[in-house]
Full PDB file with SEQRES, HELIX, SHEET, SSBOND, CRYST1, ORIGX, SCALE, CONECT and MASTER records, all heavy atoms in Angstrom:
SEQRES   1 A   42  ARG VAL ALA ALA GLY LEU ARG GLN GLU GLU ILE ALA ALA          
SEQRES   2 A   42  ARG ALA GLY LEU GLY HIS THR THR VAL ARG ARG LEU GLU          
SEQRES   3 A   42  LYS SER ASP VAL THR VAL SER PRO GLU ARG ALA TYR THR          
SEQRES   4 A   42  LEU GLN LYS                                                  
HELIX    1 AA1 GLN A    8  ALA A   15  1                                   8    
HELIX    2 AA2 HIS A   19  GLU A   26  1                                   8    
HELIX    3 AA3 PRO A   34  GLN A   41  1                                   8    
CRYST1    1.000    1.000    1.000  90.00  90.00  90.00 P 1           1          
ORIGX1      1.000000  0.000000  0.000000        0.00000                         
ORIGX2      0.000000  1.000000  0.000000        0.00000                         
ORIGX3      0.000000  0.000000  1.000000        0.00000                         
SCALE1      1.000000  0.000000  0.000000        0.00000                         
SCALE2      0.000000  1.000000  0.000000        0.00000                         
SCALE3      0.000000  0.000000  1.000000        0.00000                         
ATOM      1  N   ARG A   1     109.268  78.742 114.497  1.00  0.00           N  
ATOM      2  CA  ARG A   1     109.926  79.710 113.616  1.00  0.00           C  
ATOM      3  C   ARG A   1     110.998  80.498 114.364  1.00  0.00           C  
ATOM      4  O   ARG A   1     112.131  80.638 113.898  1.00  0.00           O  
ATOM      5  CB  ARG A   1     108.907  80.680 113.013  1.00  0.00           C  
ATOM      6  CG  ARG A   1     109.574  81.743 112.127  1.00  0.00           C  
ATOM      7  CD  ARG A   1     108.586  82.738 111.573  1.00  0.00           C  
ATOM      8  NE  ARG A   1     107.811  83.445 112.567  1.00  0.00           N  
ATOM      9  CZ  ARG A   1     108.263  84.473 113.297  1.00  0.00           C  
ATOM     10  NH1 ARG A   1     109.502  84.898 113.156  1.00  0.00           N  
ATOM     11  NH2 ARG A   1     107.466  85.078 114.164  1.00  0.00           N  
ATOM     12  N   VAL A   2     110.662  80.984 115.554  1.00  0.00           N  
ATOM     13  CA  VAL A   2     111.622  81.768 116.332  1.00  0.00           C  
ATOM     14  C   VAL A   2     112.795  80.882 116.753  1.00  0.00           C  
ATOM     15  O   VAL A   2     113.956  81.298 116.681  1.00  0.00           O  
ATOM     16  CB  VAL A   2     110.939  82.433 117.550  1.00  0.00           C  
ATOM     17  CG1 VAL A   2     111.962  83.101 118.453  1.00  0.00           C  
ATOM     18  CG2 VAL A   2     109.888  83.442 117.085  1.00  0.00           C  
ATOM     19  N   ALA A   3     112.507  79.643 117.167  1.00  0.00           N  
ATOM     20  CA  ALA A   3     113.573  78.728 117.565  1.00  0.00           C  
ATOM     21  C   ALA A   3     114.486  78.391 116.387  1.00  0.00           C  
ATOM     22  O   ALA A   3     115.676  78.137 116.571  1.00  0.00           O  
ATOM     23  CB  ALA A   3     112.984  77.449 118.155  1.00  0.00           C  
ATOM     24  N   ALA A   4     113.937  78.412 115.182  1.00  0.00           N  
ATOM     25  CA  ALA A   4     114.745  78.168 113.985  1.00  0.00           C  
ATOM     26  C   ALA A   4     115.544  79.408 113.589  1.00  0.00           C  
ATOM     27  O   ALA A   4     116.418  79.341 112.722  1.00  0.00           O  
ATOM     28  CB  ALA A   4     113.849  77.746 112.827  1.00  0.00           C  
ATOM     29  N   GLY A   5     115.248  80.543 114.211  1.00  0.00           N  
ATOM     30  CA  GLY A   5     115.957  81.781 113.910  1.00  0.00           C  
ATOM     31  C   GLY A   5     115.562  82.389 112.576  1.00  0.00           C  
ATOM     32  O   GLY A   5     116.373  83.027 111.914  1.00  0.00           O  
ATOM     33  N   LEU A   6     114.298  82.188 112.185  1.00  0.00           N  
ATOM     34  CA  LEU A   6     113.828  82.664 110.884  1.00  0.00           C  
ATOM     35  C   LEU A   6     112.746  83.727 111.028  1.00  0.00           C  
ATOM     36  O   LEU A   6     111.984  83.718 111.990  1.00  0.00           O  
ATOM     37  CB  LEU A   6     113.264  81.489 110.079  1.00  0.00           C  
ATOM     38  CG  LEU A   6     114.235  80.360 109.759  1.00  0.00           C  
ATOM     39  CD1 LEU A   6     113.478  79.182 109.158  1.00  0.00           C  
ATOM     40  CD2 LEU A   6     115.323  80.841 108.821  1.00  0.00           C  
ATOM     41  N   ARG A   7     112.699  84.614 110.043  1.00  0.00           N  
ATOM     42  CA  ARG A   7     111.600  85.565 109.942  1.00  0.00           C  
ATOM     43  C   ARG A   7     110.452  84.885 109.202  1.00  0.00           C  
ATOM     44  O   ARG A   7     110.641  83.870 108.525  1.00  0.00           O  
ATOM     45  CB  ARG A   7     112.044  86.823 109.179  1.00  0.00           C  
ATOM     46  CG  ARG A   7     113.112  87.630 109.896  1.00  0.00           C  
ATOM     47  CD  ARG A   7     113.467  88.947 109.184  1.00  0.00           C  
ATOM     48  NE  ARG A   7     113.181  89.019 107.771  1.00  0.00           N  
ATOM     49  CZ  ARG A   7     114.030  88.697 106.783  1.00  0.00           C  
ATOM     50  NH1 ARG A   7     115.228  88.251 107.078  1.00  0.00           N  
ATOM     51  NH2 ARG A   7     113.678  88.809 105.520  1.00  0.00           N  
ATOM     52  N   GLN A   8     109.257  85.439 109.301  1.00  0.00           N  
ATOM     53  CA  GLN A   8     108.097  84.858 108.616  1.00  0.00           C  
ATOM     54  C   GLN A   8     108.352  84.731 107.118  1.00  0.00           C  
ATOM     55  O   GLN A   8     108.018  83.705 106.513  1.00  0.00           O  
ATOM     56  CB  GLN A   8     106.842  85.700 108.867  1.00  0.00           C  
ATOM     57  CG  GLN A   8     106.316  85.590 110.268  1.00  0.00           C  
ATOM     58  CD  GLN A   8     105.136  86.504 110.532  1.00  0.00           C  
ATOM     59  OE1 GLN A   8     104.909  87.491 109.833  1.00  0.00           O  
ATOM     60  NE2 GLN A   8     104.370  86.173 111.564  1.00  0.00           N  
ATOM     61  N   GLU A   9     108.955  85.733 106.527  1.00  0.00           N  
ATOM     62  CA  GLU A   9     109.220  85.706 105.088  1.00  0.00           C  
ATOM     63  C   GLU A   9     110.177  84.577 104.713  1.00  0.00           C  
ATOM     64  O   GLU A   9     110.019  83.946 103.660  1.00  0.00           O  
ATOM     65  CB  GLU A   9     109.807  87.051 104.613  1.00  0.00           C  
ATOM     66  CG  GLU A   9     108.877  88.236 104.775  1.00  0.00           C  
ATOM     67  CD  GLU A   9     108.860  88.832 106.187  1.00  0.00           C  
ATOM     68  OE1 GLU A   9     109.659  88.390 107.051  1.00  0.00           O  
ATOM     69  OE2 GLU A   9     108.041  89.727 106.425  1.00  0.00           O  
ATOM     70  N   GLU A  10     111.148  84.316 105.571  1.00  0.00           N  
ATOM     71  CA  GLU A  10     112.135  83.271 105.282  1.00  0.00           C  
ATOM     72  C   GLU A  10     111.523  81.874 105.331  1.00  0.00           C  
ATOM     73  O   GLU A  10     111.736  81.066 104.423  1.00  0.00           O  
ATOM     74  CB  GLU A  10     113.305  83.363 106.267  1.00  0.00           C  
ATOM     75  CG  GLU A  10     114.146  84.611 106.097  1.00  0.00           C  
ATOM     76  CD  GLU A  10     115.142  84.807 107.231  1.00  0.00           C  
ATOM     77  OE1 GLU A  10     114.805  84.537 108.409  1.00  0.00           O  
ATOM     78  OE2 GLU A  10     116.268  85.239 106.922  1.00  0.00           O  
ATOM     79  N   ILE A  11     110.756  81.577 106.378  1.00  0.00           N  
ATOM     80  CA  ILE A  11     110.165  80.238 106.460  1.00  0.00           C  
ATOM     81  C   ILE A  11     109.088  80.070 105.393  1.00  0.00           C  
ATOM     82  O   ILE A  11     108.916  78.989 104.844  1.00  0.00           O  
ATOM     83  CB  ILE A  11     109.633  79.906 107.882  1.00  0.00           C  
ATOM     84  CG1 ILE A  11     109.280  78.409 108.004  1.00  0.00           C  
ATOM     85  CG2 ILE A  11     108.445  80.762 108.264  1.00  0.00           C  
ATOM     86  CD1 ILE A  11     110.421  77.463 107.816  1.00  0.00           C  
ATOM     87  N   ALA A  12     108.397  81.145 105.062  1.00  0.00           N  
ATOM     88  CA  ALA A  12     107.388  81.080 104.007  1.00  0.00           C  
ATOM     89  C   ALA A  12     108.034  80.685 102.684  1.00  0.00           C  
ATOM     90  O   ALA A  12     107.541  79.800 101.974  1.00  0.00           O  
ATOM     91  CB  ALA A  12     106.661  82.415 103.873  1.00  0.00           C  
ATOM     92  N   ALA A  13     109.139  81.324 102.347  1.00  0.00           N  
ATOM     93  CA  ALA A  13     109.831  81.008 101.094  1.00  0.00           C  
ATOM     94  C   ALA A  13     110.331  79.570 101.099  1.00  0.00           C  
ATOM     95  O   ALA A  13     110.202  78.855 100.098  1.00  0.00           O  
ATOM     96  CB  ALA A  13     111.001  81.979 100.884  1.00  0.00           C  
ATOM     97  N   ARG A  14     110.860  79.111 102.221  1.00  0.00           N  
ATOM     98  CA  ARG A  14     111.367  77.740 102.314  1.00  0.00           C  
ATOM     99  C   ARG A  14     110.254  76.718 102.189  1.00  0.00           C  
ATOM    100  O   ARG A  14     110.467  75.615 101.705  1.00  0.00           O  
ATOM    101  CB  ARG A  14     112.122  77.551 103.625  1.00  0.00           C  
ATOM    102  CG  ARG A  14     113.408  78.371 103.661  1.00  0.00           C  
ATOM    103  CD  ARG A  14     114.158  78.185 104.926  1.00  0.00           C  
ATOM    104  NE  ARG A  14     114.682  76.822 104.944  1.00  0.00           N  
ATOM    105  CZ  ARG A  14     115.347  76.306 105.947  1.00  0.00           C  
ATOM    106  NH1 ARG A  14     115.592  77.026 107.010  1.00  0.00           N  
ATOM    107  NH2 ARG A  14     115.790  75.086 105.900  1.00  0.00           N  
ATOM    108  N   ALA A  15     109.050  77.080 102.661  1.00  0.00           N  
ATOM    109  CA  ALA A  15     107.909  76.159 102.608  1.00  0.00           C  
ATOM    110  C   ALA A  15     107.089  76.323 101.337  1.00  0.00           C  
ATOM    111  O   ALA A  15     106.149  75.559 101.107  1.00  0.00           O  
ATOM    112  CB  ALA A  15     107.018  76.371 103.836  1.00  0.00           C  
ATOM    113  N   GLY A  16     107.411  77.333 100.535  1.00  0.00           N  
ATOM    114  CA  GLY A  16     106.645  77.577  99.316  1.00  0.00           C  
ATOM    115  C   GLY A  16     105.276  78.182  99.592  1.00  0.00           C  
ATOM    116  O   GLY A  16     104.318  77.930  98.869  1.00  0.00           O  
ATOM    117  N   LEU A  17     105.205  79.001 100.642  1.00  0.00           N  
ATOM    118  CA  LEU A  17     103.961  79.667 101.036  1.00  0.00           C  
ATOM    119  C   LEU A  17     104.160  81.177 101.000  1.00  0.00           C  
ATOM    120  O   LEU A  17     105.293  81.658 101.014  1.00  0.00           O  
ATOM    121  CB  LEU A  17     103.548  79.251 102.459  1.00  0.00           C  
ATOM    122  CG  LEU A  17     103.260  77.776 102.694  1.00  0.00           C  
ATOM    123  CD1 LEU A  17     103.159  77.502 104.192  1.00  0.00           C  
ATOM    124  CD2 LEU A  17     101.995  77.362 101.981  1.00  0.00           C  
ATOM    125  N   GLY A  18     103.072  81.906 101.009  1.00  0.00           N  
ATOM    126  CA  GLY A  18     103.153  83.349 101.138  1.00  0.00           C  
ATOM    127  C   GLY A  18     103.412  83.726 102.587  1.00  0.00           C  
ATOM    128  O   GLY A  18     102.972  83.027 103.503  1.00  0.00           O  
ATOM    129  N   HIS A  19     104.139  84.819 102.811  1.00  0.00           N  
ATOM    130  CA  HIS A  19     104.422  85.198 104.196  1.00  0.00           C  
ATOM    131  C   HIS A  19     103.151  85.578 104.953  1.00  0.00           C  
ATOM    132  O   HIS A  19     103.082  85.430 106.170  1.00  0.00           O  
ATOM    133  CB  HIS A  19     105.492  86.295 104.280  1.00  0.00           C  
ATOM    134  CG  HIS A  19     105.014  87.670 104.008  1.00  0.00           C  
ATOM    135  ND1 HIS A  19     104.910  88.185 102.742  1.00  0.00           N  
ATOM    136  CD2 HIS A  19     104.599  88.638 104.851  1.00  0.00           C  
ATOM    137  CE1 HIS A  19     104.453  89.415 102.811  1.00  0.00           C  
ATOM    138  NE2 HIS A  19     104.249  89.717 104.066  1.00  0.00           N  
ATOM    139  N   THR A  20     102.120  86.047 104.247  1.00  0.00           N  
ATOM    140  CA  THR A  20     100.864  86.345 104.950  1.00  0.00           C  
ATOM    141  C   THR A  20     100.204  85.062 105.438  1.00  0.00           C  
ATOM    142  O   THR A  20      99.528  85.063 106.466  1.00  0.00           O  
ATOM    143  CB  THR A  20      99.890  87.144 104.059  1.00  0.00           C  
ATOM    144  OG1 THR A  20      99.656  86.419 102.857  1.00  0.00           O  
ATOM    145  CG2 THR A  20     100.428  88.522 103.748  1.00  0.00           C  
ATOM    146  N   THR A  21     100.420  83.970 104.724  1.00  0.00           N  
ATOM    147  CA  THR A  21      99.885  82.678 105.185  1.00  0.00           C  
ATOM    148  C   THR A  21     100.557  82.278 106.491  1.00  0.00           C  
ATOM    149  O   THR A  21      99.893  81.836 107.427  1.00  0.00           O  
ATOM    150  CB  THR A  21     100.094  81.590 104.109  1.00  0.00           C  
ATOM    151  OG1 THR A  21      99.406  81.982 102.920  1.00  0.00           O  
ATOM    152  CG2 THR A  21      99.584  80.245 104.583  1.00  0.00           C  
ATOM    153  N   VAL A  22     101.867  82.448 106.569  1.00  0.00           N  
ATOM    154  CA  VAL A  22     102.589  82.126 107.803  1.00  0.00           C  
ATOM    155  C   VAL A  22     102.089  83.021 108.934  1.00  0.00           C  
ATOM    156  O   VAL A  22     101.822  82.543 110.046  1.00  0.00           O  
ATOM    157  CB  VAL A  22     104.111  82.265 107.613  1.00  0.00           C  
ATOM    158  CG1 VAL A  22     104.846  82.127 108.943  1.00  0.00           C  
ATOM    159  CG2 VAL A  22     104.615  81.247 106.604  1.00  0.00           C  
ATOM    160  N   ARG A  23     101.937  84.303 108.657  1.00  0.00           N  
ATOM    161  CA  ARG A  23     101.440  85.233 109.687  1.00  0.00           C  
ATOM    162  C   ARG A  23     100.066  84.792 110.181  1.00  0.00           C  
ATOM    163  O   ARG A  23      99.795  84.775 111.383  1.00  0.00           O  
ATOM    164  CB  ARG A  23     101.376  86.667 109.130  1.00  0.00           C  
ATOM    165  CG  ARG A  23     100.897  87.687 110.157  1.00  0.00           C  
ATOM    166  CD  ARG A  23     100.977  89.128 109.674  1.00  0.00           C  
ATOM    167  NE  ARG A  23     100.611  89.352 108.296  1.00  0.00           N  
ATOM    168  CZ  ARG A  23      99.347  89.523 107.868  1.00  0.00           C  
ATOM    169  NH1 ARG A  23      98.348  89.468 108.717  1.00  0.00           N  
ATOM    170  NH2 ARG A  23      99.096  89.746 106.594  1.00  0.00           N  
ATOM    171  N   ARG A  24      99.187  84.425 109.244  1.00  0.00           N  
ATOM    172  CA  ARG A  24      97.839  83.994 109.624  1.00  0.00           C  
ATOM    173  C   ARG A  24      97.879  82.692 110.424  1.00  0.00           C  
ATOM    174  O   ARG A  24      97.122  82.530 111.394  1.00  0.00           O  
ATOM    175  CB  ARG A  24      96.979  83.845 108.375  1.00  0.00           C  
ATOM    176  CG  ARG A  24      96.663  85.211 107.737  1.00  0.00           C  
ATOM    177  CD  ARG A  24      95.990  85.121 106.381  1.00  0.00           C  
ATOM    178  NE  ARG A  24      94.822  84.268 106.403  1.00  0.00           N  
ATOM    179  CZ  ARG A  24      94.424  83.535 105.356  1.00  0.00           C  
ATOM    180  NH1 ARG A  24      95.099  83.551 104.220  1.00  0.00           N  
ATOM    181  NH2 ARG A  24      93.335  82.801 105.454  1.00  0.00           N  
ATOM    182  N   LEU A  25      98.754  81.770 110.040  1.00  0.00           N  
ATOM    183  CA  LEU A  25      98.872  80.519 110.799  1.00  0.00           C  
ATOM    184  C   LEU A  25      99.367  80.788 112.218  1.00  0.00           C  
ATOM    185  O   LEU A  25      98.897  80.167 113.174  1.00  0.00           O  
ATOM    186  CB  LEU A  25      99.794  79.528 110.080  1.00  0.00           C  
ATOM    187  CG  LEU A  25      99.199  78.853 108.857  1.00  0.00           C  
ATOM    188  CD1 LEU A  25     100.274  78.138 108.047  1.00  0.00           C  
ATOM    189  CD2 LEU A  25      98.098  77.877 109.268  1.00  0.00           C  
ATOM    190  N   GLU A  26     100.300  81.704 112.372  1.00  0.00           N  
ATOM    191  CA  GLU A  26     100.813  82.041 113.698  1.00  0.00           C  
ATOM    192  C   GLU A  26      99.752  82.718 114.560  1.00  0.00           C  
ATOM    193  O   GLU A  26      99.847  82.727 115.777  1.00  0.00           O  
ATOM    194  CB  GLU A  26     102.059  82.921 113.595  1.00  0.00           C  
ATOM    195  CG  GLU A  26     103.281  82.161 113.118  1.00  0.00           C  
ATOM    196  CD  GLU A  26     104.544  82.994 113.134  1.00  0.00           C  
ATOM    197  OE1 GLU A  26     104.518  84.151 113.619  1.00  0.00           O  
ATOM    198  OE2 GLU A  26     105.578  82.484 112.665  1.00  0.00           O  
ATOM    199  N   LYS A  27      98.740  83.261 113.947  1.00  0.00           N  
ATOM    200  CA  LYS A  27      97.629  83.878 114.681  1.00  0.00           C  
ATOM    201  C   LYS A  27      96.456  82.911 114.820  1.00  0.00           C  
ATOM    202  O   LYS A  27      95.369  83.297 115.235  1.00  0.00           O  
ATOM    203  CB  LYS A  27      97.184  85.165 113.987  1.00  0.00           C  
ATOM    204  CG  LYS A  27      98.224  86.260 114.034  1.00  0.00           C  
ATOM    205  CD  LYS A  27      97.686  87.537 113.415  1.00  0.00           C  
ATOM    206  CE  LYS A  27      98.698  88.646 113.453  1.00  0.00           C  
ATOM    207  NZ  LYS A  27      98.968  89.146 114.776  1.00  0.00           N  
ATOM    208  N   SER A  28      96.668  81.652 114.448  1.00  0.00           N  
ATOM    209  CA  SER A  28      95.644  80.596 114.519  1.00  0.00           C  
ATOM    210  C   SER A  28      94.405  80.954 113.701  1.00  0.00           C  
ATOM    211  O   SER A  28      93.275  80.673 114.114  1.00  0.00           O  
ATOM    212  CB  SER A  28      95.258  80.290 115.969  1.00  0.00           C  
ATOM    213  OG  SER A  28      96.354  79.712 116.644  1.00  0.00           O  
ATOM    214  N   ASP A  29      94.600  81.556 112.553  1.00  0.00           N  
ATOM    215  CA  ASP A  29      93.513  81.909 111.646  1.00  0.00           C  
ATOM    216  C   ASP A  29      92.935  80.618 111.062  1.00  0.00           C  
ATOM    217  O   ASP A  29      93.591  79.925 110.289  1.00  0.00           O  
ATOM    218  CB  ASP A  29      94.043  82.815 110.536  1.00  0.00           C  
ATOM    219  CG  ASP A  29      92.966  83.297 109.573  1.00  0.00           C  
ATOM    220  OD1 ASP A  29      91.901  82.654 109.480  1.00  0.00           O  
ATOM    221  OD2 ASP A  29      93.205  84.328 108.908  1.00  0.00           O  
ATOM    222  N   VAL A  30      91.703  80.288 111.445  1.00  0.00           N  
ATOM    223  CA  VAL A  30      91.089  79.025 111.020  1.00  0.00           C  
ATOM    224  C   VAL A  30      90.671  79.019 109.555  1.00  0.00           C  
ATOM    225  O   VAL A  30      90.286  77.976 109.033  1.00  0.00           O  
ATOM    226  CB  VAL A  30      89.874  78.662 111.912  1.00  0.00           C  
ATOM    227  CG1 VAL A  30      90.321  78.401 113.339  1.00  0.00           C  
ATOM    228  CG2 VAL A  30      88.806  79.735 111.855  1.00  0.00           C  
ATOM    229  N   THR A  31      90.766  80.173 108.887  1.00  0.00           N  
ATOM    230  CA  THR A  31      90.404  80.191 107.471  1.00  0.00           C  
ATOM    231  C   THR A  31      91.542  79.703 106.575  1.00  0.00           C  
ATOM    232  O   THR A  31      91.336  79.491 105.384  1.00  0.00           O  
ATOM    233  CB  THR A  31      89.968  81.608 107.019  1.00  0.00           C  
ATOM    234  OG1 THR A  31      91.075  82.501 107.139  1.00  0.00           O  
ATOM    235  CG2 THR A  31      88.785  82.101 107.846  1.00  0.00           C  
ATOM    236  N   VAL A  32      92.738  79.520 107.140  1.00  0.00           N  
ATOM    237  CA  VAL A  32      93.851  78.968 106.365  1.00  0.00           C  
ATOM    238  C   VAL A  32      93.609  77.468 106.230  1.00  0.00           C  
ATOM    239  O   VAL A  32      93.281  76.789 107.199  1.00  0.00           O  
ATOM    240  CB  VAL A  32      95.207  79.231 107.046  1.00  0.00           C  
ATOM    241  CG1 VAL A  32      96.341  78.602 106.250  1.00  0.00           C  
ATOM    242  CG2 VAL A  32      95.437  80.715 107.239  1.00  0.00           C  
ATOM    243  N   SER A  33      93.790  76.960 105.026  1.00  0.00           N  
ATOM    244  CA  SER A  33      93.509  75.538 104.784  1.00  0.00           C  
ATOM    245  C   SER A  33      94.454  74.641 105.585  1.00  0.00           C  
ATOM    246  O   SER A  33      95.622  74.979 105.798  1.00  0.00           O  
ATOM    247  CB  SER A  33      93.645  75.216 103.290  1.00  0.00           C  
ATOM    248  OG  SER A  33      95.006  75.175 102.915  1.00  0.00           O  
ATOM    249  N   PRO A  34      93.938  73.486 106.018  1.00  0.00           N  
ATOM    250  CA  PRO A  34      94.793  72.538 106.740  1.00  0.00           C  
ATOM    251  C   PRO A  34      95.975  72.069 105.891  1.00  0.00           C  
ATOM    252  O   PRO A  34      97.027  71.755 106.423  1.00  0.00           O  
ATOM    253  CB  PRO A  34      93.868  71.373 107.071  1.00  0.00           C  
ATOM    254  CG  PRO A  34      92.495  71.824 106.791  1.00  0.00           C  
ATOM    255  CD  PRO A  34      92.558  73.033 105.931  1.00  0.00           C  
ATOM    256  N   GLU A  35      95.803  72.061 104.573  1.00  0.00           N  
ATOM    257  CA  GLU A  35      96.893  71.646 103.696  1.00  0.00           C  
ATOM    258  C   GLU A  35      98.076  72.618 103.777  1.00  0.00           C  
ATOM    259  O   GLU A  35      99.233  72.214 103.772  1.00  0.00           O  
ATOM    260  CB  GLU A  35      96.408  71.528 102.238  1.00  0.00           C  
ATOM    261  CG  GLU A  35      95.411  70.404 102.011  1.00  0.00           C  
ATOM    262  CD  GLU A  35      93.971  70.758 102.427  1.00  0.00           C  
ATOM    263  OE1 GLU A  35      93.681  71.938 102.713  1.00  0.00           O  
ATOM    264  OE2 GLU A  35      93.140  69.837 102.468  1.00  0.00           O  
ATOM    265  N   ARG A  36      97.773  73.899 103.879  1.00  0.00           N  
ATOM    266  CA  ARG A  36      98.850  74.893 104.010  1.00  0.00           C  
ATOM    267  C   ARG A  36      99.511  74.786 105.380  1.00  0.00           C  
ATOM    268  O   ARG A  36     100.725  74.928 105.498  1.00  0.00           O  
ATOM    269  CB  ARG A  36      98.314  76.296 103.762  1.00  0.00           C  
ATOM    270  CG  ARG A  36      97.999  76.484 102.296  1.00  0.00           C  
ATOM    271  CD  ARG A  36      97.834  77.914 101.936  1.00  0.00           C  
ATOM    272  NE  ARG A  36      97.712  77.997 100.484  1.00  0.00           N  
ATOM    273  CZ  ARG A  36      96.990  78.873  99.872  1.00  0.00           C  
ATOM    274  NH1 ARG A  36      96.333  79.776 100.558  1.00  0.00           N  
ATOM    275  NH2 ARG A  36      96.936  78.884  98.555  1.00  0.00           N  
ATOM    276  N   ALA A  37      98.707  74.548 106.408  1.00  0.00           N  
ATOM    277  CA  ALA A  37      99.277  74.347 107.743  1.00  0.00           C  
ATOM    278  C   ALA A  37     100.192  73.128 107.736  1.00  0.00           C  
ATOM    279  O   ALA A  37     101.295  73.161 108.301  1.00  0.00           O  
ATOM    280  CB  ALA A  37      98.160  74.176 108.773  1.00  0.00           C  
ATOM    281  N   TYR A  38      99.758  72.070 107.079  1.00  0.00           N  
ATOM    282  CA  TYR A  38     100.575  70.855 107.000  1.00  0.00           C  
ATOM    283  C   TYR A  38     101.879  71.133 106.246  1.00  0.00           C  
ATOM    284  O   TYR A  38     102.947  70.653 106.638  1.00  0.00           O  
ATOM    285  CB  TYR A  38      99.810  69.719 106.316  1.00  0.00           C  
ATOM    286  CG  TYR A  38     100.657  68.489 106.125  1.00  0.00           C  
ATOM    287  CD1 TYR A  38     100.940  67.652 107.199  1.00  0.00           C  
ATOM    288  CD2 TYR A  38     101.218  68.188 104.885  1.00  0.00           C  
ATOM    289  CE1 TYR A  38     101.745  66.540 107.043  1.00  0.00           C  
ATOM    290  CE2 TYR A  38     102.018  67.074 104.718  1.00  0.00           C  
ATOM    291  CZ  TYR A  38     102.283  66.257 105.798  1.00  0.00           C  
ATOM    292  OH  TYR A  38     103.091  65.153 105.644  1.00  0.00           O  
ATOM    293  N   THR A  39     101.809  71.919 105.170  1.00  0.00           N  
ATOM    294  CA  THR A  39     103.005  72.260 104.394  1.00  0.00           C  
ATOM    295  C   THR A  39     104.034  72.956 105.282  1.00  0.00           C  
ATOM    296  O   THR A  39     105.222  72.633 105.238  1.00  0.00           O  
ATOM    297  CB  THR A  39     102.632  73.161 103.197  1.00  0.00           C  
ATOM    298  OG1 THR A  39     101.746  72.434 102.344  1.00  0.00           O  
ATOM    299  CG2 THR A  39     103.857  73.608 102.422  1.00  0.00           C  
ATOM    300  N   LEU A  40     103.570  73.896 106.106  1.00  0.00           N  
ATOM    301  CA  LEU A  40     104.485  74.600 107.007  1.00  0.00           C  
ATOM    302  C   LEU A  40     105.027  73.651 108.076  1.00  0.00           C  
ATOM    303  O   LEU A  40     106.226  73.633 108.356  1.00  0.00           O  
ATOM    304  CB  LEU A  40     103.787  75.803 107.654  1.00  0.00           C  
ATOM    305  CG  LEU A  40     104.665  76.669 108.550  1.00  0.00           C  
ATOM    306  CD1 LEU A  40     105.868  77.228 107.795  1.00  0.00           C  
ATOM    307  CD2 LEU A  40     103.835  77.800 109.148  1.00  0.00           C  
ATOM    308  N   GLN A  41     104.150  72.850 108.670  1.00  0.00           N  
ATOM    309  CA  GLN A  41     104.600  71.906 109.688  1.00  0.00           C  
ATOM    310  C   GLN A  41     105.631  70.945 109.102  1.00  0.00           C  
ATOM    311  O   GLN A  41     106.655  70.666 109.728  1.00  0.00           O  
ATOM    312  CB  GLN A  41     103.416  71.113 110.250  1.00  0.00           C  
ATOM    313  CG  GLN A  41     103.848  70.109 111.307  1.00  0.00           C  
ATOM    314  CD  GLN A  41     102.679  69.363 111.919  1.00  0.00           C  
ATOM    315  OE1 GLN A  41     101.542  69.836 111.898  1.00  0.00           O  
ATOM    316  NE2 GLN A  41     102.953  68.193 112.467  1.00  0.00           N  
ATOM    317  N   LYS A  42     105.395  70.444 107.909  1.00  0.00           N  
ATOM    318  CA  LYS A  42     106.322  69.512 107.256  1.00  0.00           C  
ATOM    319  C   LYS A  42     107.680  70.168 107.032  1.00  0.00           C  
ATOM    320  O   LYS A  42     108.727  69.537 107.214  1.00  0.00           O  
ATOM    321  CB  LYS A  42     105.721  69.042 105.917  1.00  0.00           C  
ATOM    322  CG  LYS A  42     106.581  68.075 105.169  1.00  0.00           C  
ATOM    323  CD  LYS A  42     106.495  66.695 105.769  1.00  0.00           C  
ATOM    324  CE  LYS A  42     107.165  65.664 104.877  1.00  0.00           C  
ATOM    325  NZ  LYS A  42     108.476  65.265 105.331  1.00  0.00           N  
TER     326      LYS A  42                                                      
MASTER        0    0    0    3    0    0    0    6  325    1    0    4          
END                                                                             
């Protein structure tokens, strides 16, 4: 995300996710579904 020059809110919108989901993924929150992690990675 930082290398892309984006804020959490920006990449979340581009991936169709909530910005709190991105924040939780960046903190390695294991309660976030693998499908959402895959959506962000994709």
